[in-house]
Amino acid sequence: MNKIQNEQQISELVQKDEWMMNVLRAAEELDLPDWWIGAGFLRSKIWDYMEGNEPRAARDVDLVYFDNKNVAQEIDWDHDKYMTQKYPFAEWEIRNQARMHYVNDFEPFTSTADGISHWVETATCIGVRLNQGKLEYLFCYGTDDLYSLIARPTPYFATESLVSKFFERVEQKGWEDRWPDLKVITEPA
């Protein structure tokens, strides 16, 4: 198994991937406030590298941002349409975290990072972006689970009422088949 131990190694993986860099450049050009590309975009790249897997052809991009002055969902749909037409090499899902708290009945989020920290798994609560051409990273729960191939629910999904969503995602997405060394853990970090 290949090891990832720091952001420099992640940057090398991302910079060698022409598709990822094109996605990041396109997202930077959209210039949304407090934007990040999160979830599987980066996590899957890292875990595929660690497991020695060939990168998959999945092209979905979770681009998130925070704008509490414009929370109409139609704005996000307009962003999706614009990016899909201008940059058809990706399947864009652009969501304002200022309104996404309603999905799981959480308190309103205060920033994009706050919204990302409420996602289901710790290793998915990550983000990457370009800032004036330089890669920046967000790790809401650190990097231990990400670097150790651990799927663990965030504190928000470790509750009795929501932990089933964690297990459903792991199963539905076939993570244990895709990453045989993955450890599924429910205890808090």
Protein backbone atom coordinates (compact mmCIF):
# COMPACT_ATOMS: atom_id res chain seq x y z
CA MET A 1 0.00 0.00 0.00
CA ASN A 2 1.24 3.49 -0.91
CA LYS A 3 1.49 6.03 1.90
CA ILE A 4 0.37 9.64 2.01
CA GLN A 5 1.77 11.59 4.92
CA ASN A 6 1.53 15.31 4.13
CA GLU A 7 0.02 18.05 1.99
CA GLN A 8 3.05 18.16 -0.31
CA GLN A 9 2.38 14.57 -1.38
CA ILE A 10 -1.29 15.42 -1.92
CA SER A 11 -0.29 18.43 -4.01
CA GLU A 12 1.95 16.26 -6.16
CA LEU A 13 -0.97 13.86 -6.82
CA VAL A 14 -3.36 16.69 -7.66
CA GLN A 15 -0.91 18.62 -9.84
CA LYS A 16 -0.15 15.50 -11.91
CA ASP A 17 -3.87 15.02 -12.60
CA GLU A 18 -4.76 17.29 -15.52
CA TRP A 19 -8.51 16.80 -15.03
CA MET A 20 -8.37 17.80 -11.35
CA MET A 21 -6.32 20.89 -12.12
CA ASN A 22 -8.75 21.89 -14.89
CA VAL A 23 -11.65 21.52 -12.44
CA LEU A 24 -9.87 23.64 -9.85
CA ARG A 25 -9.04 26.35 -12.39
CA ALA A 26 -12.66 26.44 -13.57
CA ALA A 27 -13.91 26.69 -9.97
CA GLU A 28 -11.44 29.46 -9.19
CA GLU A 29 -12.69 31.37 -12.22
CA LEU A 30 -16.30 31.18 -10.95
CA ASP A 31 -15.04 33.17 -7.94
CA LEU A 32 -17.69 32.16 -5.40
CA PRO A 33 -17.24 33.37 -1.81
CA ASP A 34 -15.41 30.98 0.54
CA TRP A 35 -15.46 28.16 -2.03
CA TRP A 36 -13.99 24.67 -1.73
CA ILE A 37 -14.23 21.45 -3.72
CA GLY A 38 -14.87 18.72 -1.21
CA ALA A 39 -15.84 15.15 -0.58
CA GLY A 40 -14.77 12.38 -2.95
CA PHE A 41 -12.93 14.66 -5.38
CA LEU A 42 -9.88 14.61 -3.12
CA ARG A 43 -10.61 11.69 -0.76
CA SER A 44 -11.07 9.18 -3.60
CA LYS A 45 -7.90 10.37 -5.33
CA ILE A 46 -5.90 9.82 -2.14
CA TRP A 47 -7.46 6.47 -1.27
CA ASP A 48 -7.12 5.17 -4.85
CA TYR A 49 -3.43 6.10 -4.80
CA MET A 50 -2.93 4.45 -1.41
CA GLU A 51 -4.63 1.23 -2.58
CA GLY A 52 -2.83 1.26 -5.95
CA ASN A 53 -6.13 1.59 -7.84
CA GLU A 54 -6.44 3.07 -11.26
CA PRO A 55 -8.34 6.36 -10.95
CA ARG A 56 -12.02 5.96 -11.75
CA ALA A 57 -13.77 7.88 -14.49
CA ALA A 58 -16.22 9.46 -12.01
CA ARG A 59 -16.39 13.12 -12.85
CA ASP A 60 -18.72 14.52 -10.20
CA VAL A 61 -17.55 17.67 -8.45
CA ASP A 62 -18.97 18.95 -5.15
CA LEU A 63 -18.22 22.67 -5.25
CA VAL A 64 -19.44 24.37 -2.09
CA TYR A 65 -19.41 27.99 -0.99
CA PHE A 66 -20.98 30.29 1.59
CA ASP A 67 -23.16 33.29 0.77
CA ASN A 68 -25.81 34.01 3.40
CA LYS A 69 -27.16 36.98 1.41
CA ASN A 70 -28.27 34.86 -1.58
CA VAL A 71 -29.68 31.55 -0.41
CA ALA A 72 -32.22 30.73 -3.13
CA GLN A 73 -31.62 27.22 -4.45
CA GLU A 74 -32.22 28.50 -7.98
CA ILE A 75 -28.91 30.36 -7.75
CA ASP A 76 -27.13 27.04 -7.24
CA TRP A 77 -29.02 25.51 -10.17
CA ASP A 78 -27.94 28.45 -12.34
CA HIS A 79 -24.32 27.86 -11.28
CA ASP A 80 -24.67 24.13 -12.10
CA LYS A 81 -26.04 24.93 -15.56
CA TYR A 82 -23.42 27.59 -16.30
CA MET A 83 -20.50 25.38 -15.28
CA THR A 84 -21.87 22.33 -17.11
CA GLN A 85 -22.22 24.35 -20.31
CA LYS A 86 -18.87 26.11 -20.04
CA TYR A 87 -16.91 23.18 -18.56
CA PRO A 88 -18.65 19.97 -19.69
CA PHE A 89 -15.70 17.82 -18.61
CA ALA A 90 -17.21 17.62 -15.10
CA GLU A 91 -20.57 16.95 -13.48
CA TRP A 92 -20.97 20.03 -11.32
CA GLU A 93 -23.01 20.17 -8.13
CA ILE A 94 -22.63 23.62 -6.63
CA ARG A 95 -24.26 24.23 -3.26
CA ASN A 96 -24.39 27.22 -0.96
CA GLN A 97 -23.67 25.98 2.56
CA ALA A 98 -25.61 28.94 3.96
CA ARG A 99 -28.79 26.99 3.18
CA MET A 100 -27.74 23.32 3.30
CA HIS A 101 -28.25 22.88 7.05
CA TYR A 102 -31.89 22.04 6.35
CA VAL A 103 -30.98 18.68 4.75
CA ASN A 104 -30.38 17.01 8.11
CA ASP A 105 -32.16 19.56 10.29
CA PHE A 106 -28.97 21.11 11.71
CA GLU A 107 -28.54 24.62 13.02
CA PRO A 108 -27.58 27.10 10.26
CA PHE A 109 -23.94 26.87 9.22
CA THR A 110 -21.64 29.86 9.71
CA SER A 111 -19.13 29.19 6.91
CA THR A 112 -18.27 26.72 4.21
CA ALA A 113 -15.92 24.90 6.60
CA ASP A 114 -18.75 24.62 9.14
CA GLY A 115 -21.00 23.12 6.46
CA ILE A 116 -18.31 20.66 5.35
CA SER A 117 -17.68 19.62 8.97
CA HIS A 118 -21.32 18.45 9.09
CA TRP A 119 -20.88 15.96 6.23
CA VAL A 120 -21.17 12.26 6.99
CA GLU A 121 -17.60 10.90 7.27
CA THR A 122 -14.51 12.52 8.76
CA ALA A 123 -12.33 11.61 5.77
CA THR A 124 -14.89 13.23 3.45
CA CYS A 125 -14.93 16.51 5.43
CA ILE A 126 -12.06 17.88 3.41
CA GLY A 127 -11.63 20.45 0.70
CA VAL A 128 -9.20 21.75 -1.86
CA ARG A 129 -9.14 24.98 -3.81
CA LEU A 130 -6.88 27.21 -5.83
CA ASN A 131 -6.14 30.63 -4.44
CA GLN A 132 -4.29 32.72 -7.01
CA GLY A 133 -3.04 29.49 -8.55
CA LYS A 134 -1.83 27.95 -5.26
CA LEU A 135 -3.42 24.80 -3.81
CA GLU A 136 -4.99 25.17 -0.37
CA TYR A 137 -6.51 22.45 1.80
CA LEU A 138 -9.19 22.18 4.45
CA PHE A 139 -9.21 19.20 6.84
CA CYS A 140 -12.11 19.65 9.27
CA TYR A 141 -11.13 16.61 11.35
CA GLY A 142 -7.43 16.48 10.61
CA THR A 143 -5.81 13.93 8.34
CA ASP A 144 -5.43 10.79 10.47
CA ASP A 145 -8.55 9.02 9.11
CA LEU A 146 -7.81 10.16 5.56
CA TYR A 147 -4.19 8.93 5.66
CA SER A 148 -5.16 5.69 7.44
CA LEU A 149 -8.02 4.63 5.12
CA ILE A 150 -10.62 4.96 7.88
CA ALA A 151 -14.31 5.61 7.30
CA ARG A 152 -15.71 7.06 10.50
CA PRO A 153 -18.88 9.11 11.04
CA THR A 154 -18.50 12.71 12.10
CA PRO A 155 -19.87 13.54 15.55
CA TYR A 156 -23.08 14.70 13.83
CA PHE A 157 -23.63 11.28 12.24
CA ALA A 158 -22.39 9.16 15.14
CA THR A 159 -25.70 9.77 16.87
CA GLU A 160 -28.24 7.00 17.17
CA SER A 161 -30.66 8.83 14.87
CA LEU A 162 -28.17 9.42 12.02
CA VAL A 163 -25.50 6.67 12.16
CA SER A 164 -27.59 4.53 9.79
CA LYS A 165 -26.93 7.13 7.05
CA PHE A 166 -23.20 6.55 7.54
CA PHE A 167 -23.54 2.78 7.08
CA GLU A 168 -25.87 3.22 4.10
CA ARG A 169 -23.32 5.45 2.33
CA VAL A 170 -20.44 3.04 2.90
CA GLU A 171 -22.52 0.15 1.53
CA GLN A 172 -24.24 1.95 -1.36
CA LYS A 173 -20.99 3.43 -2.63
CA GLY A 174 -19.18 0.08 -2.44
CA TRP A 175 -16.27 1.53 -0.53
CA GLU A 176 -15.13 -1.75 1.02
CA ASP A 177 -14.93 -3.32 -2.45
CA ARG A 178 -13.13 -0.34 -3.97
CA TRP A 179 -10.71 0.07 -1.05
CA PRO A 180 -10.13 -3.40 0.51
CA ASP A 181 -7.88 -1.97 3.25
CA LEU A 182 -10.60 0.44 4.41
CA LYS A 183 -11.43 0.27 8.09
CA VAL A 184 -15.03 1.16 9.00
CA ILE A 185 -15.07 2.51 12.54
CA THR A 186 -17.91 4.06 14.51
CA GLU A 187 -16.05 5.15 17.67
CA PRO A 188 -15.15 8.85 17.89
CA ALA A 189 -11.58 9.75 16.97
